[in-house]
C-alpha cells in the first residue's frame, strides 16, 4: 500500500502544489453551504475549501473570509460569480485579506479581472465547459481550470464529465485541470488522475457532512435520494429559457413546471408581456435554496444535489470523508499494480 500511496501522491502532486494542500480535493462552492464551517473543515482535513460568495456584498464576503481564517491557518479559496455587479470590489476584498486562490465562475472572466486577481497575489482559477474555452482562458491568464460535468449539482452545463475529460485532458497540459461532477469515490478520482487531471472537486458529499450547516432535513433528503432523483430543471418553451439547475425532484420542481405552463398560457392569451413572463419564470425560485438549506423546507425549496447523491449513505465528519476518498484511491491503485505484477 505504501507504493500505491506514493503513486497517488505523484499523480496529484501538480494539484497539491498548486493548491498548497495535502490532497488535491477541492470543496465545490455551494451557496449557503460553503461557508466558514465547512470551508475550514475541508482545509483542516488536508483538502482545499472554497467559500461560495454568490450574491454576498463585499462587506459580507469580508466577514466570511475573516471568520474562516480564524478557523483554519491552511489555504482556502473564494468562488466569485463573474456577473456580480461589484466583482472588482469582491476581488479587492480577497486580495486585501490575502486569500490564496480566487475561482471565477458563472461566465467568462475578462483579462482585466484575471490580472486584478493575479496582480494582487492570488492564483486565478476558471471553469472550462469546452476545450476551446479552456484554451482561451489559459491565454487570458487563468492558472488552473475546473471541468465540471452535467452530473454536478446546482447550475450545470450540457456535457458529462466523462466526455469533457476526453475532450480536454489530453490537450491542456500547461495548467492544472481539476475534474468535477458526479464524483463520490476515490477510485473514480484515480481514473481521471491517470487521464491527466491534477485533482478533483466534490460538492454533494460535503454538503451532507457533519460540519455542513445545512438543515437536518436537507441532509436527510440526501440520505434518502438515489442518483436518478437528482434531475435538471425542465424548460417548457424555448421562447422562455430556463437555466438548467440539478436538484432533487420535489413539490417545488413540480410546481415550477405548472408555473411555467400557466405563465406561458397567460402570455399567449395577451395577459402579460414577454418580458414580465420571463421575469415571473425566473423569480419562481427566488430564495428557494435558502428555504431548503437553512430553513429545512425540502419539499418546496431548491434541494440542489449532484447525481453522486445516491452514494451519500450517512452524515460523516469531513476528515472521515476525505480519508475514505484517499483510502479508496490507494486501494484502486494497489489492485491495479497487483494485476500488473501478476501478469508479468
Protein backbone atom coordinates (compact mmCIF):
# COMPACT_ATOMS: atom_id res chain seq x y z
CA UNK A 1 0.00 0.00 0.00
CA UNK A 2 2.97 2.30 0.59
CA UNK A 3 3.85 2.14 -3.12
CA UNK A 4 0.23 2.82 -4.05
CA UNK A 5 0.10 5.88 -1.80
CA UNK A 6 3.32 7.15 -3.37
CA UNK A 7 1.75 6.68 -6.81
CA UNK A 8 -1.32 8.68 -5.73
CA UNK A 9 0.89 11.44 -4.33
CA UNK A 10 2.77 11.57 -7.65
CA UNK A 11 -0.45 11.62 -9.71
CA UNK A 12 -1.98 14.60 -7.93
CA UNK A 13 1.25 16.40 -6.98
CA UNK A 14 0.65 19.19 -9.57
CA UNK A 15 -2.76 19.82 -7.98
CA UNK A 16 -1.43 19.72 -4.41
CA UNK A 17 1.44 22.03 -5.29
CA UNK A 18 -0.92 24.50 -6.96
CA UNK A 19 -3.45 24.50 -4.11
CA UNK A 20 -0.93 24.22 -1.27
CA UNK A 21 -2.92 21.31 0.19
CA UNK A 22 -2.08 17.76 1.29
CA UNK A 23 -4.62 16.19 -1.06
CA UNK A 24 -5.85 17.63 -4.37
CA UNK A 25 -9.52 17.61 -3.37
CA UNK A 26 -11.44 20.89 -3.59
CA UNK A 27 -14.77 21.53 -1.96
CA UNK A 28 -17.30 22.68 -4.55
CA UNK A 29 -18.62 26.17 -3.81
CA UNK A 30 -22.28 25.77 -2.80
CA UNK A 31 -24.35 28.82 -1.87
CA UNK A 32 -25.50 28.84 1.80
CA UNK A 33 -23.46 25.65 2.40
CA UNK A 34 -19.84 26.53 1.59
CA UNK A 35 -19.30 28.98 4.43
CA UNK A 36 -16.73 29.27 7.25
CA UNK A 37 -17.52 25.97 9.00
CA UNK A 38 -17.44 23.65 6.01
CA UNK A 39 -14.63 25.50 4.21
CA UNK A 40 -12.31 25.45 7.23
CA UNK A 41 -13.16 21.79 7.92
CA UNK A 42 -12.16 20.78 4.38
CA UNK A 43 -8.89 22.73 4.54
CA UNK A 44 -8.08 21.46 8.05
CA UNK A 45 -8.61 17.88 6.82
CA UNK A 46 -5.94 18.35 4.14
CA UNK A 47 -8.23 19.33 1.25
CA UNK A 48 -8.97 22.77 -0.17
CA UNK A 49 -12.12 24.55 0.98
CA UNK A 50 -13.79 27.22 -1.18
CA UNK A 51 -16.17 29.92 0.08
CA UNK A 52 -19.24 30.42 -2.13
CA UNK A 53 -19.56 34.19 -2.42
CA UNK A 54 -22.71 34.05 -4.56
CA UNK A 55 -24.70 37.25 -4.11
CA UNK A 56 -22.77 38.43 -0.99
CA UNK A 57 -21.85 42.10 -0.72
CA UNK A 58 -18.13 42.94 -0.39
CA UNK A 59 -18.71 43.64 3.32
CA UNK A 60 -20.42 40.28 3.86
CA UNK A 61 -17.65 38.44 1.99
CA UNK A 62 -15.01 40.17 4.10
CA UNK A 63 -16.79 38.99 7.25
CA UNK A 64 -16.85 35.38 5.95
CA UNK A 65 -13.18 35.39 4.94
CA UNK A 66 -12.07 36.74 8.34
CA UNK A 67 -14.25 34.18 10.14
CA UNK A 68 -12.81 31.34 8.02
CA UNK A 69 -9.24 32.48 8.68
CA UNK A 70 -9.99 32.31 12.40
CA UNK A 71 -10.88 28.62 11.97
CA UNK A 72 -8.02 27.49 9.73
CA UNK A 73 -4.46 28.52 9.01
CA UNK A 74 -4.40 26.47 5.83
CA UNK A 75 -5.08 27.78 2.29
CA UNK A 76 -8.65 28.13 1.03
CA UNK A 77 -10.26 29.86 -1.92
CA UNK A 78 -13.20 32.11 -2.72
CA UNK A 79 -15.60 31.46 -5.61
CA UNK A 80 -16.78 34.69 -7.26
CA UNK A 81 -19.57 34.95 -9.84
CA UNK A 82 -18.27 36.95 -12.81
CA UNK A 83 -21.70 38.58 -13.35
CA UNK A 84 -21.73 40.08 -9.82
CA UNK A 85 -22.18 43.86 -10.16
CA UNK A 86 -19.42 44.50 -7.61
CA UNK A 87 -16.94 41.91 -8.90
CA UNK A 88 -13.94 44.26 -8.78
CA UNK A 89 -14.61 45.15 -5.14
CA UNK A 90 -15.02 41.46 -4.27
CA UNK A 91 -11.64 40.70 -5.84
CA UNK A 92 -10.12 43.56 -3.85
CA UNK A 93 -11.55 42.11 -0.62
CA UNK A 94 -9.96 38.73 -1.41
CA UNK A 95 -6.63 40.36 -2.18
CA UNK A 96 -6.72 42.60 0.91
CA UNK A 97 -7.21 39.55 3.13
CA UNK A 98 -4.55 37.52 1.31
CA UNK A 99 -6.91 34.80 0.06
CA UNK A 100 -4.59 32.44 -1.82
CA UNK A 101 -6.92 31.42 -4.68
CA UNK A 102 -9.89 33.02 -6.45
CA UNK A 103 -12.26 30.88 -8.52
CA UNK A 104 -14.00 32.89 -11.25
CA UNK A 105 -17.30 31.17 -12.10
CA UNK A 106 -20.64 31.76 -13.80
CA UNK A 107 -19.29 33.20 -17.03
CA UNK A 108 -16.09 34.06 -18.87
CA UNK A 109 -13.89 36.39 -16.80
CA UNK A 110 -12.20 39.30 -18.54
CA UNK A 111 -8.43 39.50 -18.82
CA UNK A 112 -8.62 42.64 -16.63
CA UNK A 113 -10.28 40.73 -13.77
CA UNK A 114 -7.82 37.84 -14.08
CA UNK A 115 -4.97 40.35 -14.00
CA UNK A 116 -6.50 42.06 -10.93
CA UNK A 117 -6.55 38.70 -9.11
CA UNK A 118 -3.01 37.77 -10.08
CA UNK A 119 -1.51 41.23 -9.51
CA UNK A 120 -2.97 41.09 -6.02
CA UNK A 121 -1.02 37.92 -5.30
CA UNK A 122 -3.81 35.33 -5.61
CA UNK A 123 -4.00 32.40 -8.04
CA UNK A 124 -6.79 32.58 -10.64
CA UNK A 125 -8.93 29.50 -11.38
CA UNK A 126 -11.61 29.29 -14.09
CA UNK A 127 -14.27 26.88 -15.36
CA UNK A 128 -13.97 25.35 -18.83
CA UNK A 129 -17.11 23.68 -20.26
CA UNK A 130 -15.35 23.08 -23.60
CA UNK A 131 -11.79 22.72 -24.93
CA UNK A 132 -11.85 25.95 -26.97
CA UNK A 133 -12.89 27.97 -23.91
CA UNK A 134 -10.27 26.24 -21.76
CA UNK A 135 -7.54 27.24 -24.20
CA UNK A 136 -8.90 30.79 -24.35
CA UNK A 137 -8.93 31.12 -20.56
CA UNK A 138 -5.32 29.93 -20.33
CA UNK A 139 -4.34 32.58 -22.91
CA UNK A 140 -6.18 35.19 -20.82
CA UNK A 141 -4.04 34.26 -17.81
CA UNK A 142 -6.10 31.66 -15.89
CA UNK A 143 -3.68 29.49 -13.90
CA UNK A 144 -5.86 26.40 -13.40
CA UNK A 145 -9.10 25.02 -14.80
CA UNK A 146 -12.07 23.13 -13.37
CA UNK A 147 -14.00 21.00 -15.86
CA UNK A 148 -17.44 20.24 -14.42
CA UNK A 149 -19.75 17.65 -15.94
CA UNK A 150 -23.53 17.84 -16.10
CA UNK A 151 -23.73 15.22 -13.30
CA UNK A 152 -22.92 18.01 -10.82
CA UNK A 153 -25.46 19.71 -8.57
CA UNK A 154 -26.64 23.30 -8.97
CA UNK A 155 -26.09 25.18 -12.23
CA UNK A 156 -24.80 22.76 -14.84
CA UNK A 157 -23.73 22.59 -18.46
CA UNK A 158 -24.96 20.03 -21.00
CA UNK A 159 -21.91 17.73 -21.22
CA UNK A 160 -20.97 14.85 -18.89
CA UNK A 161 -17.60 14.74 -17.14
CA UNK A 162 -16.74 11.50 -18.98
CA UNK A 163 -16.92 13.36 -22.29
CA UNK A 164 -15.35 16.61 -21.05
CA UNK A 165 -12.35 14.70 -19.66
CA UNK A 166 -11.76 13.01 -23.01
CA UNK A 167 -12.14 16.29 -24.85
CA UNK A 168 -9.97 18.44 -22.60
CA UNK A 169 -7.43 16.45 -20.55
CA UNK A 170 -5.27 15.20 -23.46
CA UNK A 171 -4.93 18.72 -24.84
CA UNK A 172 -4.41 21.08 -21.89
CA UNK A 173 -1.10 20.42 -20.19
CA UNK A 174 0.16 23.93 -19.33
CA UNK A 175 -2.05 24.38 -16.25
CA UNK A 176 -3.55 22.02 -13.64
CA UNK A 177 -7.03 20.75 -14.57
CA UNK A 178 -9.42 19.65 -11.81
CA UNK A 179 -12.39 17.39 -12.63
CA UNK A 180 -15.85 17.80 -11.10
CA UNK A 181 -19.37 16.45 -11.43
CA UNK A 182 -20.82 13.22 -10.07
CA UNK A 183 -17.72 12.24 -8.10
CA UNK A 184 -18.27 10.34 -4.85
CA UNK A 185 -15.48 7.76 -4.66
CA UNK A 186 -11.69 7.83 -4.61
CA UNK A 187 -11.29 5.15 -7.28
CA UNK A 188 -13.23 7.32 -9.73
CA UNK A 189 -10.89 10.23 -8.93
CA UNK A 190 -7.88 8.00 -9.71
CA UNK A 191 -9.26 7.18 -13.16
CA UNK A 192 -9.26 10.89 -14.03
CA UNK A 193 -5.83 11.49 -12.49
CA UNK A 194 -4.49 8.76 -14.76
CA UNK A 195 -6.03 10.58 -17.73
CA UNK A 196 -4.09 13.72 -16.79
CA UNK A 197 -6.24 15.54 -14.23
CA UNK A 198 -4.41 17.19 -11.33
CA UNK A 199 -7.17 16.72 -8.77
CA UNK A 200 -10.93 16.72 -8.22
CA UNK A 201 -13.70 18.95 -6.90
CA UNK A 202 -16.57 17.42 -4.90
CA UNK A 203 -19.64 19.16 -3.50
CA UNK A 204 -22.61 16.90 -2.80
CA UNK A 205 -20.70 14.55 -0.48
CA UNK A 206 -19.56 17.51 1.65
CA UNK A 207 -23.00 19.17 1.74
CA UNK A 208 -24.20 16.26 3.87
CA UNK A 209 -21.18 16.24 6.21
CA UNK A 210 -21.32 16.87 9.96
CA UNK A 211 -19.67 20.28 9.59
CA UNK A 212 -22.12 21.45 6.92
CA UNK A 213 -24.59 23.97 8.37
CA UNK A 214 -27.33 22.62 6.08
CA UNK A 215 -30.57 21.83 7.91
CA UNK A 216 -31.06 18.27 9.18
CA UNK A 217 -33.99 17.89 6.74
CA UNK A 218 -31.67 18.82 3.86
CA UNK A 219 -29.12 16.17 4.85
CA UNK A 220 -31.83 13.54 5.38
CA UNK A 221 -33.12 14.24 1.87
CA UNK A 222 -29.63 13.42 0.56
CA UNK A 223 -29.53 10.16 2.52
CA UNK A 224 -32.90 9.08 1.07
CA UNK A 225 -32.11 10.03 -2.51
CA UNK A 226 -30.94 7.91 -5.41
CA UNK A 227 -28.88 9.19 -8.36
CA UNK A 228 -31.97 9.34 -10.59
CA UNK A 229 -33.70 11.70 -8.11
CA UNK A 230 -31.20 14.47 -8.90
CA UNK A 231 -32.67 15.97 -12.06
CA UNK A 232 -32.20 19.18 -14.02
CA UNK A 233 -34.90 21.83 -14.23
CA UNK A 234 -37.10 21.47 -17.31
CA UNK A 235 -37.70 24.21 -19.89
CA UNK A 236 -41.17 24.09 -21.46
CA UNK A 237 -40.80 26.72 -24.19
CA UNK A 238 -37.65 27.85 -25.98
CA UNK A 239 -39.06 31.40 -26.00
CA UNK A 240 -38.62 31.39 -22.23
CA UNK A 241 -35.18 29.97 -21.44
CA UNK A 242 -34.60 28.23 -18.11
CA UNK A 243 -31.05 27.93 -16.77
CA UNK A 244 -30.55 24.21 -16.05
CA UNK A 245 -30.11 23.52 -12.33
CA UNK A 246 -29.72 19.99 -10.94
CA UNK A 247 -31.51 19.22 -7.70
CA UNK A 248 -33.76 16.64 -6.05
CA UNK A 249 -37.22 16.34 -7.58
CA UNK A 250 -39.86 17.61 -5.12
CA UNK A 251 -43.10 19.59 -4.87
CA UNK A 252 -41.15 22.74 -5.76
CA UNK A 253 -39.83 21.33 -9.05
CA UNK A 254 -43.29 20.05 -9.98
CA UNK A 255 -44.73 23.47 -9.08
CA UNK A 256 -42.15 25.12 -11.35
CA UNK A 257 -43.45 23.16 -14.34
CA UNK A 258 -47.03 24.25 -13.56
CA UNK A 259 -45.90 27.86 -13.08
CA UNK A 260 -44.16 27.85 -16.46
CA UNK A 261 -47.19 26.36 -18.19
CA UNK A 262 -49.58 28.89 -16.61
CA UNK A 263 -47.26 31.83 -17.35
CA UNK A 264 -46.84 30.77 -20.98
CA UNK A 265 -50.62 30.41 -21.40
CA UNK A 266 -51.14 33.89 -19.92
CA UNK A 267 -48.54 35.33 -22.33
CA UNK A 268 -50.11 33.58 -25.33
CA UNK A 269 -53.55 34.99 -24.43
CA UNK A 270 -52.08 38.51 -24.21
CA UNK A 271 -52.41 38.78 -20.44
CA UNK A 272 -48.74 39.55 -19.82
CA UNK A 273 -45.75 40.87 -21.79
CA UNK A 274 -42.92 38.55 -22.83
CA UNK A 275 -40.52 40.39 -20.50
CA UNK A 276 -42.85 40.07 -17.50
CA UNK A 277 -43.49 36.41 -18.29
CA UNK A 278 -39.74 35.73 -18.38
CA UNK A 279 -39.24 37.55 -15.07
CA UNK A 280 -42.07 35.60 -13.49
CA UNK A 281 -40.44 32.31 -14.52
CA UNK A 282 -37.00 33.44 -13.36
CA UNK A 283 -38.29 34.67 -9.99
CA UNK A 284 -40.09 31.41 -9.15
CA UNK A 285 -37.02 30.05 -7.36
CA UNK A 286 -36.05 33.30 -5.58
CA UNK A 287 -34.96 32.39 -2.06
CA UNK A 288 -35.69 28.71 -2.70
CA UNK A 289 -32.17 27.47 -1.99
CA UNK A 290 -32.05 29.23 1.39
CA UNK A 291 -35.50 27.84 2.13
CA UNK A 292 -34.17 24.29 1.71
CA UNK A 293 -30.65 24.63 3.13
CA UNK A 294 -31.27 26.91 6.10
CA UNK A 295 -34.99 26.59 6.88
CA UNK A 296 -35.24 22.88 6.03
CA UNK A 297 -38.20 23.12 3.63
CA UNK A 298 -37.05 20.33 1.33
CA UNK A 299 -40.46 19.97 -0.33
CA UNK A 300 -40.85 23.50 -1.67
CA UNK A 301 -37.24 24.71 -1.59
CA UNK A 302 -34.46 24.03 -4.06
CA UNK A 303 -32.52 20.95 -2.90
CA UNK A 304 -29.50 21.28 -5.18
CA UNK A 305 -27.62 17.99 -5.44
CA UNK A 306 -25.42 16.16 -7.92
CA UNK A 307 -26.08 12.64 -9.18
CA UNK A 308 -23.47 11.35 -6.73
CA UNK A 309 -26.14 11.93 -4.03
CA UNK A 310 -27.01 8.23 -4.36
CA UNK A 311 -23.60 7.44 -2.81
CA UNK A 312 -24.26 9.57 0.29
CA UNK A 313 -25.35 6.97 2.83
CA UNK A 314 -24.56 8.67 6.15
CA UNK A 315 -23.66 12.05 7.66
CA UNK A 316 -19.93 11.90 8.46
CA UNK A 317 -17.18 14.31 9.52
CA UNK A 318 -15.29 15.94 6.65
CA UNK A 319 -11.99 14.44 7.82
CA UNK A 320 -13.52 10.95 7.58
CA UNK A 321 -14.92 11.63 4.12
CA UNK A 322 -11.54 12.77 2.80
CA UNK A 323 -9.72 9.86 4.50
CA UNK A 324 -12.16 7.42 2.83
CA UNK A 325 -11.65 9.01 -0.59
CA UNK A 326 -7.88 8.70 -0.21
CA UNK A 327 -8.20 5.10 1.02
CA UNK A 328 -10.39 4.16 -1.96
CA UNK A 329 -7.91 5.83 -4.34
CA UNK A 330 -4.95 3.98 -2.82
CA UNK A 331 -6.80 0.64 -2.91
CA UNK A 332 -7.66 1.13 -6.58
CA UNK A 333 -4.01 1.82 -7.45
CA UNK A 334 -2.81 -1.13 -5.34
CA UNK A 335 -5.24 -3.51 -7.10
CA UNK A 336 -4.09 -2.32 -10.50
CA UNK A 337 -0.42 -2.71 -9.52
CA UNK A 338 -1.15 -6.22 -8.21
CA UNK A 339 -2.73 -7.15 -11.55
CA UNK A 340 0.30 -5.81 -13.41
CA UNK A 341 2.67 -7.83 -11.23
CA UNK A 342 0.54 -10.97 -11.55
CA UNK A 343 0.57 -10.78 -15.35
CA UNK A 344 4.30 -10.00 -15.56
